[in-house]
C-alpha atoms as a PDB file:
ATOM      1  CA  UNK A   1     140.680  68.185-137.818  1.00  0.00           C
ATOM      2  CA  UNK A   2     139.219  71.594-138.646  1.00  0.00           C
ATOM      3  CA  UNK A   3     141.068  71.624-141.970  1.00  0.00           C
ATOM      4  CA  UNK A   4     139.726  68.185-142.884  1.00  0.00           C
ATOM      5  CA  UNK A   5     136.178  69.362-142.137  1.00  0.00           C
ATOM      6  CA  UNK A   6     136.778  72.556-144.133  1.00  0.00           C
ATOM      7  CA  UNK A   7     137.959  70.601-147.164  1.00  0.00           C
ATOM      8  CA  UNK A   8     134.897  68.343-146.880  1.00  0.00           C
ATOM      9  CA  UNK A   9     132.638  71.378-146.657  1.00  0.00           C
ATOM     10  CA  UNK A  10     134.128  72.820-149.836  1.00  0.00           C
ATOM     11  CA  UNK A  11     133.868  69.471-151.654  1.00  0.00           C
ATOM     12  CA  UNK A  12     130.200  69.324-150.687  1.00  0.00           C
ATOM     13  CA  UNK A  13     129.651  72.933-151.746  1.00  0.00           C
ATOM     14  CA  UNK A  14     131.335  72.323-155.117  1.00  0.00           C
ATOM     15  CA  UNK A  15     129.116  69.312-155.780  1.00  0.00           C
ATOM     16  CA  UNK A  16     131.975  66.808-155.725  1.00  0.00           C
ATOM     17  CA  UNK A  17     129.988  64.806-153.177  1.00  0.00           C
ATOM     18  CA  UNK A  18     126.389  64.641-152.032  1.00  0.00           C
ATOM     19  CA  UNK A  19     127.352  62.881-148.791  1.00  0.00           C
ATOM     20  CA  UNK A  20     125.483  64.782-146.087  1.00  0.00           C
ATOM     21  CA  UNK A  21     128.108  63.802-143.497  1.00  0.00           C
ATOM     22  CA  UNK A  22     130.323  66.445-145.082  1.00  0.00           C
ATOM     23  CA  UNK A  23     127.623  69.017-144.354  1.00  0.00           C
ATOM     24  CA  UNK A  24     127.232  67.775-140.795  1.00  0.00           C
ATOM     25  CA  UNK A  25     130.977  67.885-140.189  1.00  0.00           C
ATOM     26  CA  UNK A  26     131.107  71.466-141.463  1.00  0.00           C
ATOM     27  CA  UNK A  27     129.184  72.555-138.376  1.00  0.00           C
ATOM     28  CA  UNK A  28     132.186  71.579-136.241  1.00  0.00           C
ATOM     29  CA  UNK A  29     134.720  73.758-138.050  1.00  0.00           C
ATOM     30  CA  UNK A  30     134.320  76.760-135.756  1.00  0.00           C
ATOM     31  CA  UNK A  31     134.619  74.739-132.541  1.00  0.00           C
ATOM     32  CA  UNK A  32     137.581  72.714-133.787  1.00  0.00           C
ATOM     33  CA  UNK A  33     139.356  75.888-134.889  1.00  0.00           C
ATOM     34  CA  UNK A  34     138.865  77.460-131.464  1.00  0.00           C
ATOM     35  CA  UNK A  35     140.206  74.328-129.744  1.00  0.00           C
ATOM     36  CA  UNK A  36     143.272  74.278-132.003  1.00  0.00           C
ATOM     37  CA  UNK A  37     143.978  77.954-131.453  1.00  0.00           C
ATOM     38  CA  UNK A  38     143.570  77.517-127.688  1.00  0.00           C
ATOM     39  CA  UNK A  39     146.251  74.819-127.819  1.00  0.00           C
ATOM     40  CA  UNK A  40     148.514  77.484-129.304  1.00  0.00           C
ATOM     41  CA  UNK A  41     147.639  79.923-126.525  1.00  0.00           C
ATOM     42  CA  UNK A  42     145.313  82.055-128.657  1.00  0.00           C
ATOM     43  CA  UNK A  43     142.049  82.798-126.872  1.00  0.00           C
ATOM     44  CA  UNK A  44     140.808  85.570-129.164  1.00  0.00           C
ATOM     45  CA  UNK A  45     137.549  84.719-130.973  1.00  0.00           C
ATOM     46  CA  UNK A  46     138.154  85.076-134.703  1.00  0.00           C
ATOM     47  CA  UNK A  47     135.583  85.345-137.490  1.00  0.00           C
ATOM     48  CA  UNK A  48     135.000  82.025-139.254  1.00  0.00           C
ATOM     49  CA  UNK A  49     134.493  83.383-142.733  1.00  0.00           C
ATOM     50  CA  UNK A  50     132.704  81.367-145.444  1.00  0.00           C
ATOM     51  CA  UNK A  51     133.277  77.828-144.149  1.00  0.00           C
ATOM     52  CA  UNK A  52     129.774  76.441-144.587  1.00  0.00           C
ATOM     53  CA  UNK A  53     128.344  75.226-147.888  1.00  0.00           C
ATOM     54  CA  UNK A  54     126.041  77.713-149.598  1.00  0.00           C
ATOM     55  CA  UNK A  55     122.354  77.615-148.677  1.00  0.00           C
ATOM     56  CA  UNK A  56     121.476  77.091-152.354  1.00  0.00           C
ATOM     57  CA  UNK A  57     123.594  73.922-152.457  1.00  0.00           C
ATOM     58  CA  UNK A  58     122.003  72.560-149.286  1.00  0.00           C
ATOM     59  CA  UNK A  59     118.473  73.280-150.581  1.00  0.00           C
ATOM     60  CA  UNK A  60     119.259  71.669-153.941  1.00  0.00           C
ATOM     61  CA  UNK A  61     120.408  68.481-152.288  1.00  0.00           C
ATOM     62  CA  UNK A  62     117.401  68.381-149.957  1.00  0.00           C
ATOM     63  CA  UNK A  63     115.032  68.894-152.905  1.00  0.00           C
ATOM     64  CA  UNK A  64     116.648  65.996-154.764  1.00  0.00           C
ATOM     65  CA  UNK A  65     116.076  63.596-151.874  1.00  0.00           C
END
């Protein structure tokens, strides 16, 4: 599930879609990753890295609407 949300986040960031559900789903990437890792027995908190769309992209979409 985390990978699906990550792909959606990148599609949103790249401008392939303006569907704000992709942005909303991106907020769940960290939690879903932690749940998946816990299923594998990994409890260490890892850095998420750049999984969210850029602020500039979010502002541009909000300005257009």
